[in-house]
Amino acid sequence: MDASMKQKLQRILDRVEEPVYNTSITDLGIVDGIRHDEENDKLLVFLNFMHPGPKCCAVINGLVLNSIKKLLAEALEDAFPGLSVEYV
């Protein structure tokens, strides 16, 4: 991955916010990394999202995580047309 792509990805990560606290996903450490799979035209996004034990919290965390995934995928697909996003 070239330096300009890395910079563009970092700007996206800094801009996308977790919807409950409106804090960037970079500051929260939700994304461990992104790899460009050139062969398959994909961006592989490695997430670090902890799920607490109680069922009610797990449901809420699942909803928040799905929202983050949607926001991040939209931002990445807008910035890199033609590349799909896959979460690992």
N, C-alpha and C. Protein backbone atom coordinates (compact mmCIF):
# COMPACT_ATOMS: atom_id res chain seq x y z
N MET A 1 0.86 -1.16 0.00
CA MET A 1 0.00 0.00 0.00
C MET A 1 0.92 1.24 0.00
N ASP A 2 0.63 2.17 -0.91
CA ASP A 2 1.49 3.35 -0.99
C ASP A 2 1.13 4.38 0.09
N ALA A 3 2.02 5.35 0.26
CA ALA A 3 1.88 6.33 1.34
C ALA A 3 0.62 7.19 1.20
N SER A 4 0.25 7.55 -0.02
CA SER A 4 -0.94 8.39 -0.20
C SER A 4 -2.21 7.62 0.17
N MET A 5 -2.24 6.32 -0.12
CA MET A 5 -3.40 5.52 0.26
C MET A 5 -3.47 5.40 1.78
N LYS A 6 -2.32 5.20 2.44
CA LYS A 6 -2.29 5.12 3.89
C LYS A 6 -2.79 6.41 4.52
N GLN A 7 -2.37 7.54 3.98
CA GLN A 7 -2.81 8.84 4.51
C GLN A 7 -4.32 9.03 4.32
N LYS A 8 -4.81 8.64 3.18
CA LYS A 8 -6.25 8.75 2.89
C LYS A 8 -7.05 7.87 3.85
N LEU A 9 -6.56 6.65 4.08
CA LEU A 9 -7.23 5.74 5.02
C LEU A 9 -7.23 6.32 6.43
N GLN A 10 -6.12 6.90 6.85
CA GLN A 10 -6.04 7.47 8.19
C GLN A 10 -7.01 8.63 8.36
N ARG A 11 -7.14 9.47 7.33
CA ARG A 11 -8.10 10.58 7.39
C ARG A 11 -9.53 10.06 7.52
N ILE A 12 -9.84 8.98 6.82
CA ILE A 12 -11.18 8.38 6.92
C ILE A 12 -11.41 7.84 8.33
N LEU A 13 -10.45 7.12 8.88
CA LEU A 13 -10.58 6.56 10.22
C LEU A 13 -10.73 7.67 11.26
N ASP A 14 -10.04 8.78 11.06
CA ASP A 14 -10.15 9.90 11.99
C ASP A 14 -11.51 10.59 11.89
N ARG A 15 -12.11 10.54 10.71
CA ARG A 15 -13.38 11.23 10.47
C ARG A 15 -14.61 10.41 10.89
N VAL A 16 -14.56 9.09 10.75
CA VAL A 16 -15.71 8.25 11.08
C VAL A 16 -15.83 8.17 12.60
N GLU A 17 -17.03 8.45 13.10
CA GLU A 17 -17.24 8.48 14.55
C GLU A 17 -18.15 7.36 15.02
N GLU A 18 -17.87 6.89 16.22
CA GLU A 18 -18.74 5.95 16.91
C GLU A 18 -20.01 6.73 17.25
N PRO A 19 -21.20 6.19 16.93
CA PRO A 19 -22.43 6.98 16.99
C PRO A 19 -22.95 7.33 18.39
N VAL A 20 -22.53 6.65 19.42
CA VAL A 20 -23.06 6.92 20.76
C VAL A 20 -22.33 8.09 21.40
N TYR A 21 -21.00 8.07 21.35
CA TYR A 21 -20.20 9.09 22.01
C TYR A 21 -19.63 10.14 21.05
N ASN A 22 -19.88 9.94 19.74
CA ASN A 22 -19.35 10.86 18.72
C ASN A 22 -17.85 11.06 18.85
N THR A 23 -17.16 9.95 19.04
CA THR A 23 -15.71 9.94 19.15
C THR A 23 -15.17 9.15 17.96
N SER A 24 -14.06 9.62 17.38
CA SER A 24 -13.53 8.93 16.20
C SER A 24 -13.16 7.50 16.54
N ILE A 25 -13.34 6.63 15.56
CA ILE A 25 -13.00 5.23 15.77
C ILE A 25 -11.50 5.06 15.93
N THR A 26 -10.71 6.03 15.47
CA THR A 26 -9.26 6.01 15.70
C THR A 26 -8.98 6.18 17.19
N ASP A 27 -9.62 7.19 17.80
CA ASP A 27 -9.40 7.46 19.23
C ASP A 27 -9.85 6.29 20.09
N LEU A 28 -10.87 5.57 19.65
CA LEU A 28 -11.38 4.44 20.42
C LEU A 28 -10.62 3.13 20.16
N GLY A 29 -9.76 3.12 19.15
CA GLY A 29 -8.98 1.92 18.85
C GLY A 29 -9.80 0.78 18.29
N ILE A 30 -10.88 1.10 17.59
CA ILE A 30 -11.78 0.07 17.07
C ILE A 30 -11.19 -0.65 15.86
N VAL A 31 -10.39 0.03 15.06
CA VAL A 31 -9.79 -0.58 13.87
C VAL A 31 -8.31 -0.85 14.17
N ASP A 32 -7.94 -2.13 14.11
CA ASP A 32 -6.55 -2.51 14.32
C ASP A 32 -5.70 -2.26 13.08
N GLY A 33 -6.31 -2.31 11.92
CA GLY A 33 -5.56 -2.08 10.69
C GLY A 33 -6.42 -2.33 9.47
N ILE A 34 -5.89 -1.90 8.33
CA ILE A 34 -6.55 -2.12 7.05
C ILE A 34 -5.49 -2.60 6.07
N ARG A 35 -5.84 -3.64 5.33
CA ARG A 35 -4.93 -4.18 4.31
C ARG A 35 -5.62 -4.11 2.95
N HIS A 36 -4.88 -3.72 1.94
CA HIS A 36 -5.41 -3.68 0.59
C HIS A 36 -5.11 -5.00 -0.10
N ASP A 37 -6.14 -5.76 -0.42
CA ASP A 37 -6.01 -7.01 -1.15
C ASP A 37 -6.20 -6.68 -2.63
N GLU A 38 -5.08 -6.38 -3.30
CA GLU A 38 -5.14 -5.94 -4.69
C GLU A 38 -5.70 -7.02 -5.61
N GLU A 39 -5.37 -8.25 -5.33
CA GLU A 39 -5.80 -9.37 -6.18
C GLU A 39 -7.32 -9.46 -6.26
N ASN A 40 -8.01 -9.19 -5.14
CA ASN A 40 -9.46 -9.31 -5.08
C ASN A 40 -10.18 -7.96 -5.00
N ASP A 41 -9.45 -6.86 -5.20
CA ASP A 41 -10.04 -5.51 -5.13
C ASP A 41 -10.83 -5.30 -3.85
N LYS A 42 -10.17 -5.57 -2.70
CA LYS A 42 -10.84 -5.46 -1.40
C LYS A 42 -9.97 -4.67 -0.43
N LEU A 43 -10.65 -4.03 0.49
CA LEU A 43 -9.99 -3.49 1.67
C LEU A 43 -10.40 -4.39 2.83
N LEU A 44 -9.43 -5.02 3.46
CA LEU A 44 -9.70 -5.89 4.61
C LEU A 44 -9.52 -5.05 5.87
N VAL A 45 -10.59 -4.91 6.64
CA VAL A 45 -10.59 -4.09 7.84
C VAL A 45 -10.56 -5.00 9.06
N PHE A 46 -9.52 -4.86 9.87
CA PHE A 46 -9.36 -5.67 11.07
C PHE A 46 -9.90 -4.89 12.26
N LEU A 47 -10.97 -5.40 12.87
CA LEU A 47 -11.64 -4.71 13.95
C LEU A 47 -11.20 -5.24 15.31
N ASN A 48 -11.28 -4.36 16.29
CA ASN A 48 -11.01 -4.70 17.69
C ASN A 48 -12.16 -4.13 18.50
N PHE A 49 -13.21 -4.92 18.65
CA PHE A 49 -14.42 -4.45 19.34
C PHE A 49 -14.79 -5.48 20.38
N MET A 50 -14.69 -5.12 21.63
CA MET A 50 -14.96 -6.04 22.74
C MET A 50 -16.45 -6.10 23.04
N HIS A 51 -16.94 -7.29 23.34
CA HIS A 51 -18.34 -7.48 23.73
C HIS A 51 -18.40 -7.88 25.20
N PRO A 52 -19.04 -7.06 26.04
CA PRO A 52 -19.18 -7.43 27.45
C PRO A 52 -20.14 -8.61 27.62
N GLY A 53 -20.12 -9.21 28.80
CA GLY A 53 -20.89 -10.41 29.08
C GLY A 53 -22.40 -10.28 29.09
N PRO A 54 -23.00 -9.29 29.79
CA PRO A 54 -24.46 -9.25 29.89
C PRO A 54 -25.14 -9.17 28.52
N LYS A 55 -26.23 -9.94 28.38
CA LYS A 55 -26.90 -10.00 27.08
C LYS A 55 -27.39 -8.65 26.61
N CYS A 56 -27.91 -7.82 27.51
CA CYS A 56 -28.42 -6.51 27.08
C CYS A 56 -27.29 -5.67 26.50
N CYS A 57 -26.12 -5.72 27.13
CA CYS A 57 -24.99 -4.94 26.63
C CYS A 57 -24.48 -5.49 25.30
N ALA A 58 -24.51 -6.81 25.16
CA ALA A 58 -24.07 -7.42 23.91
C ALA A 58 -24.97 -7.00 22.75
N VAL A 59 -26.25 -6.90 22.99
CA VAL A 59 -27.20 -6.47 21.95
C VAL A 59 -26.91 -5.02 21.55
N ILE A 60 -26.74 -4.16 22.55
CA ILE A 60 -26.45 -2.76 22.27
C ILE A 60 -25.11 -2.63 21.54
N ASN A 61 -24.09 -3.35 22.00
CA ASN A 61 -22.79 -3.30 21.32
C ASN A 61 -22.90 -3.80 19.89
N GLY A 62 -23.71 -4.82 19.66
CA GLY A 62 -23.91 -5.32 18.31
C GLY A 62 -24.52 -4.26 17.40
N LEU A 63 -25.49 -3.53 17.92
CA LEU A 63 -26.11 -2.46 17.14
C LEU A 63 -25.12 -1.34 16.84
N VAL A 64 -24.33 -0.98 17.84
CA VAL A 64 -23.31 0.07 17.65
C VAL A 64 -22.27 -0.39 16.64
N LEU A 65 -21.80 -1.63 16.77
CA LEU A 65 -20.80 -2.15 15.84
C LEU A 65 -21.34 -2.17 14.41
N ASN A 66 -22.58 -2.60 14.22
CA ASN A 66 -23.17 -2.60 12.88
C ASN A 66 -23.24 -1.20 12.31
N SER A 67 -23.55 -0.22 13.15
CA SER A 67 -23.60 1.16 12.71
C SER A 67 -22.21 1.64 12.29
N ILE A 68 -21.20 1.31 13.09
CA ILE A 68 -19.82 1.70 12.76
C ILE A 68 -19.39 1.05 11.45
N LYS A 69 -19.69 -0.23 11.28
CA LYS A 69 -19.32 -0.93 10.04
C LYS A 69 -19.96 -0.25 8.83
N LYS A 70 -21.23 0.12 8.95
CA LYS A 70 -21.94 0.76 7.84
C LYS A 70 -21.31 2.10 7.51
N LEU A 71 -21.07 2.94 8.53
CA LEU A 71 -20.47 4.26 8.32
C LEU A 71 -19.08 4.14 7.70
N LEU A 72 -18.28 3.22 8.21
CA LEU A 72 -16.93 3.04 7.70
C LEU A 72 -16.94 2.51 6.27
N ALA A 73 -17.78 1.54 5.99
CA ALA A 73 -17.87 0.99 4.63
C ALA A 73 -18.27 2.07 3.64
N GLU A 74 -19.25 2.89 4.00
CA GLU A 74 -19.68 3.98 3.11
C GLU A 74 -18.53 4.94 2.83
N ALA A 75 -17.79 5.32 3.88
CA ALA A 75 -16.68 6.26 3.72
C ALA A 75 -15.57 5.65 2.87
N LEU A 76 -15.24 4.39 3.10
CA LEU A 76 -14.19 3.73 2.33
C LEU A 76 -14.59 3.54 0.87
N GLU A 77 -15.83 3.13 0.63
CA GLU A 77 -16.28 2.91 -0.74
C GLU A 77 -16.39 4.22 -1.51
N ASP A 78 -16.73 5.32 -0.82
CA ASP A 78 -16.74 6.63 -1.48
C ASP A 78 -15.33 7.06 -1.85
N ALA A 79 -14.37 6.82 -0.97
CA ALA A 79 -12.99 7.25 -1.20
C ALA A 79 -12.25 6.35 -2.18
N PHE A 80 -12.64 5.09 -2.23
CA PHE A 80 -11.96 4.11 -3.09
C PHE A 80 -12.98 3.36 -3.94
N PRO A 81 -13.57 4.03 -4.92
CA PRO A 81 -14.57 3.37 -5.77
C PRO A 81 -13.98 2.12 -6.43
N GLY A 82 -14.77 1.10 -6.50
CA GLY A 82 -14.32 -0.14 -7.13
C GLY A 82 -13.75 -1.15 -6.15
N LEU A 83 -13.43 -0.70 -4.93
CA LEU A 83 -12.94 -1.63 -3.91
C LEU A 83 -14.07 -1.99 -2.97
N SER A 84 -14.19 -3.25 -2.65
CA SER A 84 -15.19 -3.66 -1.66
C SER A 84 -14.53 -3.67 -0.29
N VAL A 85 -15.36 -3.71 0.74
CA VAL A 85 -14.86 -3.71 2.12
C VAL A 85 -15.27 -5.01 2.78
N GLU A 86 -14.30 -5.66 3.42
CA GLU A 86 -14.57 -6.90 4.15
C GLU A 86 -14.02 -6.74 5.56
N TYR A 87 -14.83 -7.11 6.55
CA TYR A 87 -14.41 -7.02 7.96
C TYR A 87 -13.87 -8.35 8.42
N VAL A 88 -12.74 -8.30 9.09
CA VAL A 88 -12.05 -9.51 9.56
C VAL A 88 -12.03 -9.48 11.07
